[in-house]
Amino acid sequence: MSAADLSGMVIAIFGPTASGKTAVAEAIADAVPSQIVSADSMQVYRGLPILTNQPVRPTALVGIWPLDHEGSVAEYQRLAHEAVDGALSEGRTPIVVGGTGLYLRAALADLELPPAPPRGARDRWERLYDRLGPEHAHAALAERDPQAAQAVHPNDRRRVVRALELHDAGESLAPPRDRLWGDETRHPALIFGLEIPKVVLEERIQERTEAMFESGVEEEVARALRAPVSRTANQIIGLREVAELPRREAIAAIALRTRRYAAYQRKWMRRIPSMQAVSAARPLLETAGEILSRAQRA
């Protein structure tokens, strides 16, 4: 790959888990002065580098929060903007890479984010969800905010609870216009989506899940759970499975959950405006080279 003049530009790389996003970003970073910025809602936590597949290479916004920290998109957005702006001010190209669609968008744009709930509000709505059950809690949301209810599955406890919180605060999970998916970004940005055949991706997910256990993820999780873990950190895929299930059952459960998450990420890819598809089912340097070449021509 040849170096390119990307002054003032942001490169963003999105794709399903195990599609090779980090490796592609690092290959591009080897060719141009840059700063990799993570857009991953699990890698922001420290203490679980194996479970969250954290890169070895220094990457902004990886391992920044302790596991008892209650994370938010608003806090992440502020830190991501600082990282991106700092790289640009130093003449480096920010490479925003990750599989959390909302974090990716927050890093690139100025999102109007809803306020955090008052202390105790979330506990109240979580108790209601657990008492009523998914269907009746979702029905309660539909009575209050029909548009939000249409956007949330009854079994998605976290989002149903969040939608009820927001309605209680005079906000909505479904704003009157789609602010999230506009084309506006804070700086000129090119967004690339890595595409890979489903069967190949699922093989990679299985291999990566098994490799985590060979690398000592069980000991890592045991150490991490000796201290408190926040609600947001509890969402990390595999945390409870490793802690509570025998090894073979945990591997199967994590691989299944990860495959479902990858399918969800693919849906996000279809919703991101101006995303340029790039094949990741080939040698790493070819994928990175194509992204760099497109960026150079932009």
C-alpha atoms as a PDB file:
ATOM      1  CA  MET A   1       0.000   0.000   0.000  1.00  0.00           C
ATOM      2  CA  SER A   2       1.245   3.492  -0.790  1.00  0.00           C
ATOM      3  CA  ALA A   3       0.830   6.439   1.560  1.00  0.00           C
ATOM      4  CA  ALA A   4      -1.986   8.844   0.791  1.00  0.00           C
ATOM      5  CA  ASP A   5      -2.636  12.474   1.576  1.00  0.00           C
ATOM      6  CA  LEU A   6      -5.742  12.307   3.753  1.00  0.00           C
ATOM      7  CA  SER A   7      -5.388  15.693   5.443  1.00  0.00           C
ATOM      8  CA  GLY A   8      -8.495  16.662   7.375  1.00  0.00           C
ATOM      9  CA  MET A   9     -10.318  13.416   6.612  1.00  0.00           C
ATOM     10  CA  VAL A  10     -11.733  10.780   8.961  1.00  0.00           C
ATOM     11  CA  ILE A  11     -11.840   7.122   7.914  1.00  0.00           C
ATOM     12  CA  ALA A  12     -14.503   4.980   9.607  1.00  0.00           C
ATOM     13  CA  ILE A  13     -14.582   1.181   9.414  1.00  0.00           C
ATOM     14  CA  PHE A  14     -17.660  -0.771  10.494  1.00  0.00           C
ATOM     15  CA  GLY A  15     -18.642  -4.394  10.202  1.00  0.00           C
ATOM     16  CA  PRO A  16     -19.846  -7.448  12.085  1.00  0.00           C
ATOM     17  CA  THR A  17     -17.762  -8.926  14.852  1.00  0.00           C
ATOM     18  CA  ALA A  18     -14.891 -11.137  13.614  1.00  0.00           C
ATOM     19  CA  SER A  19     -14.900  -9.484  10.175  1.00  0.00           C
ATOM     20  CA  GLY A  20     -11.351  -8.213  10.713  1.00  0.00           C
ATOM     21  CA  LYS A  21     -12.047  -4.523  11.371  1.00  0.00           C
ATOM     22  CA  THR A  22      -9.168  -4.000  13.800  1.00  0.00           C
ATOM     23  CA  ALA A  23      -6.610  -5.734  11.603  1.00  0.00           C
ATOM     24  CA  VAL A  24      -7.690  -3.684   8.585  1.00  0.00           C
ATOM     25  CA  ALA A  25      -7.487  -0.446  10.575  1.00  0.00           C
ATOM     26  CA  GLU A  26      -4.022  -1.320  11.845  1.00  0.00           C
ATOM     27  CA  ALA A  27      -2.826  -2.115   8.318  1.00  0.00           C
ATOM     28  CA  ILE A  28      -4.017   1.305   7.148  1.00  0.00           C
ATOM     29  CA  ALA A  29      -2.373   2.913  10.184  1.00  0.00           C
ATOM     30  CA  ASP A  30       0.927   1.340   9.103  1.00  0.00           C
ATOM     31  CA  ALA A  31       0.691   3.265   5.818  1.00  0.00           C
ATOM     32  CA  VAL A  32      -0.376   6.743   6.952  1.00  0.00           C
ATOM     33  CA  PRO A  33       0.152   8.936  10.028  1.00  0.00           C
ATOM     34  CA  SER A  34      -2.970   8.151  12.004  1.00  0.00           C
ATOM     35  CA  GLN A  35      -4.759   7.557  15.297  1.00  0.00           C
ATOM     36  CA  ILE A  36      -7.056   4.560  15.675  1.00  0.00           C
ATOM     37  CA  VAL A  37     -10.180   5.372  17.701  1.00  0.00           C
ATOM     38  CA  SER A  38     -12.324   2.502  18.978  1.00  0.00           C
ATOM     39  CA  ALA A  39     -16.097   2.605  18.537  1.00  0.00           C
ATOM     40  CA  ASP A  40     -16.828  -0.529  20.564  1.00  0.00           C
ATOM     41  CA  SER A  41     -19.112  -0.450  23.589  1.00  0.00           C
ATOM     42  CA  MET A  42     -17.411  -3.490  25.147  1.00  0.00           C
ATOM     43  CA  GLN A  43     -13.771  -2.577  24.581  1.00  0.00           C
ATOM     44  CA  VAL A  44     -14.172   0.681  26.525  1.00  0.00           C
ATOM     45  CA  TYR A  45     -13.970  -1.392  29.726  1.00  0.00           C
ATOM     46  CA  ARG A  46     -10.658  -2.505  31.185  1.00  0.00           C
ATOM     47  CA  GLY A  47     -10.007  -5.785  32.946  1.00  0.00           C
ATOM     48  CA  LEU A  48     -11.398  -8.038  30.203  1.00  0.00           C
ATOM     49  CA  PRO A  49      -8.981  -7.761  27.252  1.00  0.00           C
ATOM     50  CA  ILE A  50      -9.398 -11.400  26.187  1.00  0.00           C
ATOM     51  CA  LEU A  51     -13.188 -11.480  26.451  1.00  0.00           C
ATOM     52  CA  THR A  52     -13.640  -8.185  24.587  1.00  0.00           C
ATOM     53  CA  ASN A  53     -10.885  -8.945  22.052  1.00  0.00           C
ATOM     54  CA  GLN A  54      -9.004  -5.744  22.754  1.00  0.00           C
ATOM     55  CA  PRO A  55      -6.206  -4.787  20.360  1.00  0.00           C
ATOM     56  CA  VAL A  56      -2.611  -4.954  21.549  1.00  0.00           C
ATOM     57  CA  ARG A  57      -1.734  -1.843  19.570  1.00  0.00           C
ATOM     58  CA  PRO A  58      -2.396   1.451  21.423  1.00  0.00           C
ATOM     59  CA  THR A  59      -5.920   2.534  20.491  1.00  0.00           C
ATOM     60  CA  ALA A  60      -7.893   5.496  21.762  1.00  0.00           C
ATOM     61  CA  LEU A  61     -10.929   4.674  23.955  1.00  0.00           C
ATOM     62  CA  VAL A  62      -9.949   1.082  24.676  1.00  0.00           C
ATOM     63  CA  GLY A  63      -9.866   0.078  28.358  1.00  0.00           C
ATOM     64  CA  ILE A  64     -10.714   3.560  29.637  1.00  0.00           C
ATOM     65  CA  TRP A  65     -13.474   2.707  32.135  1.00  0.00           C
ATOM     66  CA  PRO A  66     -13.402   0.400  35.169  1.00  0.00           C
ATOM     67  CA  LEU A  67     -16.008  -2.343  35.176  1.00  0.00           C
ATOM     68  CA  ASP A  68     -18.108  -0.593  37.819  1.00  0.00           C
ATOM     69  CA  HIS A  69     -18.484   2.507  35.628  1.00  0.00           C
ATOM     70  CA  GLU A  70     -21.983   3.193  34.279  1.00  0.00           C
ATOM     71  CA  GLY A  71     -21.160   4.129  30.704  1.00  0.00           C
ATOM     72  CA  SER A  72     -23.235   6.304  28.403  1.00  0.00           C
ATOM     73  CA  VAL A  73     -23.209   7.267  24.740  1.00  0.00           C
ATOM     74  CA  ALA A  74     -23.028  10.931  25.746  1.00  0.00           C
ATOM     75  CA  GLU A  75     -19.809  10.382  27.700  1.00  0.00           C
ATOM     76  CA  TYR A  76     -18.348   8.279  24.922  1.00  0.00           C
ATOM     77  CA  GLN A  77     -19.254  10.925  22.343  1.00  0.00           C
ATOM     78  CA  ARG A  78     -17.373  13.636  24.240  1.00  0.00           C
ATOM     79  CA  LEU A  79     -14.252  11.476  24.528  1.00  0.00           C
ATOM     80  CA  ALA A  80     -14.425  10.354  20.900  1.00  0.00           C
ATOM     81  CA  HIS A  81     -14.709  13.937  19.655  1.00  0.00           C
ATOM     82  CA  GLU A  82     -11.648  14.860  21.718  1.00  0.00           C
ATOM     83  CA  ALA A  83      -9.683  11.943  20.240  1.00  0.00           C
ATOM     84  CA  VAL A  84     -10.707  12.702  16.661  1.00  0.00           C
ATOM     85  CA  ASP A  85     -10.073  16.433  16.984  1.00  0.00           C
ATOM     86  CA  GLY A  86      -6.743  15.823  18.684  1.00  0.00           C
ATOM     87  CA  ALA A  87      -5.532  13.571  15.878  1.00  0.00           C
ATOM     88  CA  LEU A  88      -6.573  16.050  13.202  1.00  0.00           C
ATOM     89  CA  SER A  89      -4.857  18.924  15.003  1.00  0.00           C
ATOM     90  CA  GLU A  90      -1.632  16.904  14.926  1.00  0.00           C
ATOM     91  CA  GLY A  91      -1.919  16.183  11.203  1.00  0.00           C
ATOM     92  CA  ARG A  92      -2.897  12.541  11.707  1.00  0.00           C
ATOM     93  CA  THR A  93      -5.846  10.717  10.143  1.00  0.00           C
ATOM     94  CA  PRO A  94      -8.402   9.434  12.675  1.00  0.00           C
ATOM     95  CA  ILE A  95      -9.425   5.868  11.876  1.00  0.00           C
ATOM     96  CA  VAL A  96     -12.656   5.202  13.766  1.00  0.00           C
ATOM     97  CA  VAL A  97     -13.216   1.463  13.942  1.00  0.00           C
ATOM     98  CA  GLY A  98     -15.765  -0.680  15.719  1.00  0.00           C
ATOM     99  CA  GLY A  99     -18.921  -2.712  15.595  1.00  0.00           C
ATOM    100  CA  THR A 100     -21.200  -0.631  17.835  1.00  0.00           C
ATOM    101  CA  GLY A 101     -23.241   1.395  15.359  1.00  0.00           C
ATOM    102  CA  LEU A 102     -24.377   4.045  17.808  1.00  0.00           C
ATOM    103  CA  TYR A 103     -20.829   4.602  19.053  1.00  0.00           C
ATOM    104  CA  LEU A 104     -19.546   4.885  15.492  1.00  0.00           C
ATOM    105  CA  ARG A 105     -22.143   7.511  14.676  1.00  0.00           C
ATOM    106  CA  ALA A 106     -21.515   9.346  17.959  1.00  0.00           C
ATOM    107  CA  ALA A 107     -17.794   9.535  17.148  1.00  0.00           C
ATOM    108  CA  LEU A 108     -18.470  11.046  13.713  1.00  0.00           C
ATOM    109  CA  ALA A 109     -21.386  13.409  14.356  1.00  0.00           C
ATOM    110  CA  ASP A 110     -22.960  15.725  16.909  1.00  0.00           C
ATOM    111  CA  LEU A 111     -25.839  13.623  18.174  1.00  0.00           C
ATOM    112  CA  GLU A 112     -28.641  15.145  20.208  1.00  0.00           C
ATOM    113  CA  LEU A 113     -28.657  12.546  22.937  1.00  0.00           C
ATOM    114  CA  PRO A 114     -31.471  12.146  25.487  1.00  0.00           C
ATOM    115  CA  PRO A 115     -30.700  12.986  29.113  1.00  0.00           C
ATOM    116  CA  ALA A 116     -29.622  10.425  31.685  1.00  0.00           C
ATOM    117  CA  PRO A 117     -32.516   9.227  33.863  1.00  0.00           C
ATOM    118  CA  PRO A 118     -32.954  10.567  37.406  1.00  0.00           C
ATOM    119  CA  ARG A 119     -31.409   8.462  40.161  1.00  0.00           C
ATOM    120  CA  GLY A 120     -33.622   5.460  40.910  1.00  0.00           C
ATOM    121  CA  ALA A 121     -35.757   5.779  37.777  1.00  0.00           C
ATOM    122  CA  ARG A 122     -34.138   2.856  35.996  1.00  0.00           C
ATOM    123  CA  ASP A 123     -34.566   0.567  39.002  1.00  0.00           C
ATOM    124  CA  ARG A 124     -38.263   1.399  39.085  1.00  0.00           C
ATOM    125  CA  TRP A 125     -38.817   0.565  35.415  1.00  0.00           C
ATOM    126  CA  GLU A 126     -36.682  -2.572  35.629  1.00  0.00           C
ATOM    127  CA  ARG A 127     -38.819  -3.799  38.518  1.00  0.00           C
ATOM    128  CA  LEU A 128     -41.938  -3.083  36.458  1.00  0.00           C
ATOM    129  CA  TYR A 129     -40.536  -5.013  33.481  1.00  0.00           C
ATOM    130  CA  ASP A 130     -39.665  -7.988  35.668  1.00  0.00           C
ATOM    131  CA  ARG A 131     -43.030  -7.913  37.447  1.00  0.00           C
ATOM    132  CA  LEU A 132     -45.153  -7.610  34.292  1.00  0.00           C
ATOM    133  CA  GLY A 133     -43.017  -9.713  31.986  1.00  0.00           C
ATOM    134  CA  PRO A 134     -41.834  -8.780  28.468  1.00  0.00           C
ATOM    135  CA  GLU A 135     -45.200  -8.723  26.680  1.00  0.00           C
ATOM    136  CA  HIS A 136     -47.093  -6.698  29.276  1.00  0.00           C
ATOM    137  CA  ALA A 137     -44.199  -4.288  29.845  1.00  0.00           C
ATOM    138  CA  HIS A 138     -44.043  -3.723  26.091  1.00  0.00           C
ATOM    139  CA  ALA A 139     -47.800  -3.168  26.065  1.00  0.00           C
ATOM    140  CA  ALA A 140     -47.368  -0.549  28.803  1.00  0.00           C
ATOM    141  CA  LEU A 141     -44.795   1.173  26.604  1.00  0.00           C
ATOM    142  CA  ALA A 142     -47.129   1.012  23.602  1.00  0.00           C
ATOM    143  CA  GLU A 143     -49.814   2.837  25.603  1.00  0.00           C
ATOM    144  CA  ARG A 144     -47.390   5.608  26.485  1.00  0.00           C
ATOM    145  CA  ASP A 145     -45.222   5.854  23.344  1.00  0.00           C
ATOM    146  CA  PRO A 146     -46.531   3.830  20.365  1.00  0.00           C
ATOM    147  CA  GLN A 147     -43.694   4.911  18.049  1.00  0.00           C
ATOM    148  CA  ALA A 148     -41.016   3.814  20.487  1.00  0.00           C
ATOM    149  CA  ALA A 149     -42.818   0.507  21.046  1.00  0.00           C
ATOM    150  CA  GLN A 150     -42.712  -0.185  17.307  1.00  0.00           C
ATOM    151  CA  ALA A 151     -38.920   0.193  17.349  1.00  0.00           C
ATOM    152  CA  VAL A 152     -38.303  -2.144  20.309  1.00  0.00           C
ATOM    153  CA  HIS A 153     -38.775  -5.887  20.669  1.00  0.00           C
ATOM    154  CA  PRO A 154     -40.591  -6.975  23.881  1.00  0.00           C
ATOM    155  CA  ASN A 155     -37.666  -9.261  24.820  1.00  0.00           C
ATOM    156  CA  ASP A 156     -35.141  -6.420  24.614  1.00  0.00           C
ATOM    157  CA  ARG A 157     -35.327  -5.608  28.326  1.00  0.00           C
ATOM    158  CA  ARG A 158     -32.711  -2.855  28.250  1.00  0.00           C
ATOM    159  CA  ARG A 159     -34.350  -0.879  25.442  1.00  0.00           C
ATOM    160  CA  VAL A 160     -37.905  -1.319  26.736  1.00  0.00           C
ATOM    161  CA  VAL A 161     -36.760  -0.008  30.114  1.00  0.00           C
ATOM    162  CA  ARG A 162     -34.892   2.870  28.452  1.00  0.00           C
ATOM    163  CA  ALA A 163     -37.948   3.782  26.375  1.00  0.00           C
ATOM    164  CA  LEU A 164     -40.103   3.912  29.501  1.00  0.00           C
ATOM    165  CA  GLU A 165     -37.471   6.055  31.244  1.00  0.00           C
ATOM    166  CA  LEU A 166     -37.390   8.503  28.368  1.00  0.00           C
ATOM    167  CA  HIS A 167     -41.165   8.797  28.166  1.00  0.00           C
ATOM    168  CA  ASP A 168     -41.258   9.500  31.885  1.00  0.00           C
ATOM    169  CA  ALA A 169     -38.729  12.319  31.272  1.00  0.00           C
ATOM    170  CA  GLY A 170     -40.755  13.814  28.403  1.00  0.00           C
ATOM    171  CA  GLU A 171     -38.483  12.332  25.715  1.00  0.00           C
ATOM    172  CA  SER A 172     -38.852   9.452  23.270  1.00  0.00           C
ATOM    173  CA  LEU A 173     -36.687   6.623  22.025  1.00  0.00           C
ATOM    174  CA  ALA A 174     -38.220   7.365  18.597  1.00  0.00           C
ATOM    175  CA  PRO A 175     -37.568  11.073  17.924  1.00  0.00           C
ATOM    176  CA  PRO A 176     -39.822  12.956  15.467  1.00  0.00           C
ATOM    177  CA  ARG A 177     -37.095  12.870  12.806  1.00  0.00           C
ATOM    178  CA  ASP A 178     -34.192  10.508  12.320  1.00  0.00           C
ATOM    179  CA  ARG A 179     -31.297  12.528  13.700  1.00  0.00           C
ATOM    180  CA  LEU A 180     -29.105   9.454  14.000  1.00  0.00           C
ATOM    181  CA  TRP A 181     -28.885   8.509  10.359  1.00  0.00           C
ATOM    182  CA  GLY A 182     -28.307  11.855   8.687  1.00  0.00           C
ATOM    183  CA  ASP A 183     -25.362  12.399   6.361  1.00  0.00           C
ATOM    184  CA  GLU A 184     -23.865  15.193   8.463  1.00  0.00           C
ATOM    185  CA  THR A 185     -20.518  14.557  10.138  1.00  0.00           C
ATOM    186  CA  ARG A 186     -18.320  16.907  12.143  1.00  0.00           C
ATOM    187  CA  HIS A 187     -15.414  16.451   9.724  1.00  0.00           C
ATOM    188  CA  PRO A 188     -15.218  15.064   6.173  1.00  0.00           C
ATOM    189  CA  ALA A 189     -15.564  11.319   6.627  1.00  0.00           C
ATOM    190  CA  LEU A 190     -15.558   8.170   4.526  1.00  0.00           C
ATOM    191  CA  ILE A 191     -17.402   5.211   6.045  1.00  0.00           C
ATOM    192  CA  PHE A 192     -16.520   1.690   4.928  1.00  0.00           C
ATOM    193  CA  GLY A 193     -18.461  -1.464   5.755  1.00  0.00           C
ATOM    194  CA  LEU A 194     -16.668  -4.803   5.731  1.00  0.00           C
ATOM    195  CA  GLU A 195     -18.642  -7.544   4.032  1.00  0.00           C
ATOM    196  CA  ILE A 196     -17.917 -11.238   4.476  1.00  0.00           C
ATOM    197  CA  PRO A 197     -19.929 -14.382   3.649  1.00  0.00           C
ATOM    198  CA  LYS A 198     -22.055 -15.573   6.539  1.00  0.00           C
ATOM    199  CA  VAL A 199     -20.531 -19.062   6.613  1.00  0.00           C
ATOM    200  CA  VAL A 200     -16.999 -17.644   6.793  1.00  0.00           C
ATOM    201  CA  LEU A 201     -17.990 -15.209   9.516  1.00  0.00           C
ATOM    202  CA  GLU A 202     -19.586 -17.920  11.627  1.00  0.00           C
ATOM    203  CA  GLU A 203     -16.451 -20.070  11.321  1.00  0.00           C
ATOM    204  CA  ARG A 204     -14.348 -17.134  12.522  1.00  0.00           C
ATOM    205  CA  ILE A 205     -16.696 -16.515  15.442  1.00  0.00           C
ATOM    206  CA  GLN A 206     -16.445 -20.157  16.524  1.00  0.00           C
ATOM    207  CA  GLU A 207     -12.650 -20.158  16.218  1.00  0.00           C
ATOM    208  CA  ARG A 208     -12.308 -16.900  18.137  1.00  0.00           C
ATOM    209  CA  THR A 209     -14.611 -18.081  20.918  1.00  0.00           C
ATOM    210  CA  GLU A 210     -12.609 -21.281  21.404  1.00  0.00           C
ATOM    211  CA  ALA A 211      -9.322 -19.328  21.272  1.00  0.00           C
ATOM    212  CA  MET A 212     -10.496 -17.111  24.150  1.00  0.00           C
ATOM    213  CA  PHE A 213     -10.714 -20.119  26.440  1.00  0.00           C
ATOM    214  CA  GLU A 214      -7.292 -21.342  25.360  1.00  0.00           C
ATOM    215  CA  SER A 215      -5.954 -17.867  26.221  1.00  0.00           C
ATOM    216  CA  GLY A 216      -7.289 -17.910  29.789  1.00  0.00           C
ATOM    217  CA  VAL A 217     -10.625 -16.085  29.605  1.00  0.00           C
ATOM    218  CA  GLU A 218     -12.027 -18.090  32.540  1.00  0.00           C
ATOM    219  CA  GLU A 219      -9.344 -16.806  34.905  1.00  0.00           C
ATOM    220  CA  GLU A 220      -9.763 -13.284  33.509  1.00  0.00           C
ATOM    221  CA  VAL A 221     -13.507 -13.259  34.175  1.00  0.00           C
ATOM    222  CA  ALA A 222     -13.076 -14.735  37.661  1.00  0.00           C
ATOM    223  CA  ARG A 223     -10.680 -11.915  38.566  1.00  0.00           C
ATOM    224  CA  ALA A 224     -12.980  -9.263  37.104  1.00  0.00           C
ATOM    225  CA  LEU A 225     -16.050 -10.454  38.985  1.00  0.00           C
ATOM    226  CA  ARG A 226     -14.385 -10.127  42.354  1.00  0.00           C
ATOM    227  CA  ALA A 227     -15.316  -6.439  42.139  1.00  0.00           C
ATOM    228  CA  PRO A 228     -18.635  -4.727  41.316  1.00  0.00           C
ATOM    229  CA  VAL A 229     -19.773  -4.619  37.685  1.00  0.00           C
ATOM    230  CA  SER A 230     -22.062  -1.894  36.336  1.00  0.00           C
ATOM    231  CA  ARG A 231     -25.259  -2.496  34.384  1.00  0.00           C
ATOM    232  CA  THR A 232     -23.615  -1.395  31.162  1.00  0.00           C
ATOM    233  CA  ALA A 233     -20.554  -3.607  31.675  1.00  0.00           C
ATOM    234  CA  ASN A 234     -22.864  -6.538  32.418  1.00  0.00           C
ATOM    235  CA  GLN A 235     -23.940  -6.350  28.767  1.00  0.00           C
ATOM    236  CA  ILE A 236     -20.521  -7.608  27.637  1.00  0.00           C
ATOM    237  CA  ILE A 237     -21.079 -10.742  25.588  1.00  0.00           C
ATOM    238  CA  GLY A 238     -19.787 -13.809  27.375  1.00  0.00           C
ATOM    239  CA  LEU A 239     -19.286 -12.327  30.830  1.00  0.00           C
ATOM    240  CA  ARG A 240     -22.018 -14.290  32.569  1.00  0.00           C
ATOM    241  CA  GLU A 241     -21.689 -17.327  30.310  1.00  0.00           C
ATOM    242  CA  VAL A 242     -18.010 -17.780  31.224  1.00  0.00           C
ATOM    243  CA  ALA A 243     -18.751 -17.246  34.907  1.00  0.00           C
ATOM    244  CA  GLU A 244     -21.783 -19.516  35.195  1.00  0.00           C
ATOM    245  CA  LEU A 245     -21.527 -22.323  32.619  1.00  0.00           C
ATOM    246  CA  PRO A 246     -19.214 -25.310  32.096  1.00  0.00           C
ATOM    247  CA  ARG A 247     -16.633 -24.627  29.399  1.00  0.00           C
ATOM    248  CA  ARG A 248     -18.295 -26.424  26.458  1.00  0.00           C
ATOM    249  CA  GLU A 249     -21.701 -24.958  27.265  1.00  0.00           C
ATOM    250  CA  ALA A 250     -20.178 -21.506  27.635  1.00  0.00           C
ATOM    251  CA  ILE A 251     -18.439 -21.763  24.251  1.00  0.00           C
ATOM    252  CA  ALA A 252     -21.685 -22.796  22.561  1.00  0.00           C
ATOM    253  CA  ALA A 253     -23.698 -20.054  24.282  1.00  0.00           C
ATOM    254  CA  ILE A 254     -21.170 -17.318  23.502  1.00  0.00           C
ATOM    255  CA  ALA A 255     -20.810 -18.370  19.865  1.00  0.00           C
ATOM    256  CA  LEU A 256     -24.595 -18.361  19.456  1.00  0.00           C
ATOM    257  CA  ARG A 257     -24.976 -14.966  21.117  1.00  0.00           C
ATOM    258  CA  THR A 258     -22.140 -13.554  19.016  1.00  0.00           C
ATOM    259  CA  ARG A 259     -23.687 -14.837  15.783  1.00  0.00           C
ATOM    260  CA  ARG A 260     -26.941 -13.121  16.705  1.00  0.00           C
ATOM    261  CA  TYR A 261     -25.069  -9.919  17.461  1.00  0.00           C
ATOM    262  CA  ALA A 262     -23.306 -10.128  14.090  1.00  0.00           C
ATOM    263  CA  ALA A 263     -26.685 -10.387  12.367  1.00  0.00           C
ATOM    264  CA  TYR A 264     -27.786  -7.267  14.256  1.00  0.00           C
ATOM    265  CA  GLN A 265     -24.630  -5.456  13.126  1.00  0.00           C
ATOM    266  CA  ARG A 266     -25.378  -6.337   9.510  1.00  0.00           C
ATOM    267  CA  LYS A 267     -28.732  -4.586   9.866  1.00  0.00           C
ATOM    268  CA  TRP A 268     -26.932  -1.472  11.141  1.00  0.00           C
ATOM    269  CA  MET A 269     -24.720  -1.561   8.056  1.00  0.00           C
ATOM    270  CA  ARG A 270     -27.755  -1.277   5.816  1.00  0.00           C
ATOM    271  CA  ARG A 271     -28.960   1.811   7.683  1.00  0.00           C
ATOM    272  CA  ILE A 272     -25.770   3.891   7.626  1.00  0.00           C
ATOM    273  CA  PRO A 273     -25.897   6.489   4.824  1.00  0.00           C
ATOM    274  CA  SER A 274     -23.006   6.730   2.365  1.00  0.00           C
ATOM    275  CA  MET A 275     -21.417   3.526   3.600  1.00  0.00           C
ATOM    276  CA  GLN A 276     -19.113   1.988   1.013  1.00  0.00           C
ATOM    277  CA  ALA A 277     -19.054  -1.799   0.990  1.00  0.00           C
ATOM    278  CA  VAL A 278     -15.645  -3.480   0.910  1.00  0.00           C
ATOM    279  CA  SER A 279     -15.004  -7.215   0.736  1.00  0.00           C
ATOM    280  CA  ALA A 280     -13.166  -8.626   3.753  1.00  0.00           C
ATOM    281  CA  ALA A 281     -13.132 -12.201   2.437  1.00  0.00           C
ATOM    282  CA  ARG A 282      -9.609 -11.893   0.995  1.00  0.00           C
ATOM    283  CA  PRO A 283      -6.083 -11.158   2.228  1.00  0.00           C
ATOM    284  CA  LEU A 284      -5.953  -8.384   4.808  1.00  0.00           C
ATOM    285  CA  LEU A 285      -3.666  -6.070   2.844  1.00  0.00           C
ATOM    286  CA  GLU A 286      -5.974  -6.184  -0.185  1.00  0.00           C
ATOM    287  CA  THR A 287      -8.925  -4.991   1.896  1.00  0.00           C
ATOM    288  CA  ALA A 288      -6.875  -2.274   3.582  1.00  0.00           C
ATOM    289  CA  GLY A 289      -5.351  -1.244   0.252  1.00  0.00           C
ATOM    290  CA  GLU A 290      -8.741  -0.807  -1.377  1.00  0.00           C
ATOM    291  CA  ILE A 291      -9.958   1.397   1.474  1.00  0.00           C
ATOM    292  CA  LEU A 292      -6.829   3.521   1.296  1.00  0.00           C
ATOM    293  CA  SER A 293      -7.079   3.803  -2.475  1.00  0.00           C
ATOM    294  CA  ARG A 294     -10.713   4.909  -2.313  1.00  0.00           C
ATOM    295  CA  ALA A 295      -9.883   7.436   0.378  1.00  0.00           C
ATOM    296  CA  GLN A 296      -7.044   8.817  -1.702  1.00  0.00           C
ATOM    297  CA  ARG A 297      -9.365   9.321  -4.691  1.00  0.00           C
ATOM    298  CA  ALA A 298     -12.145  10.939  -2.647  1.00  0.00           C
END
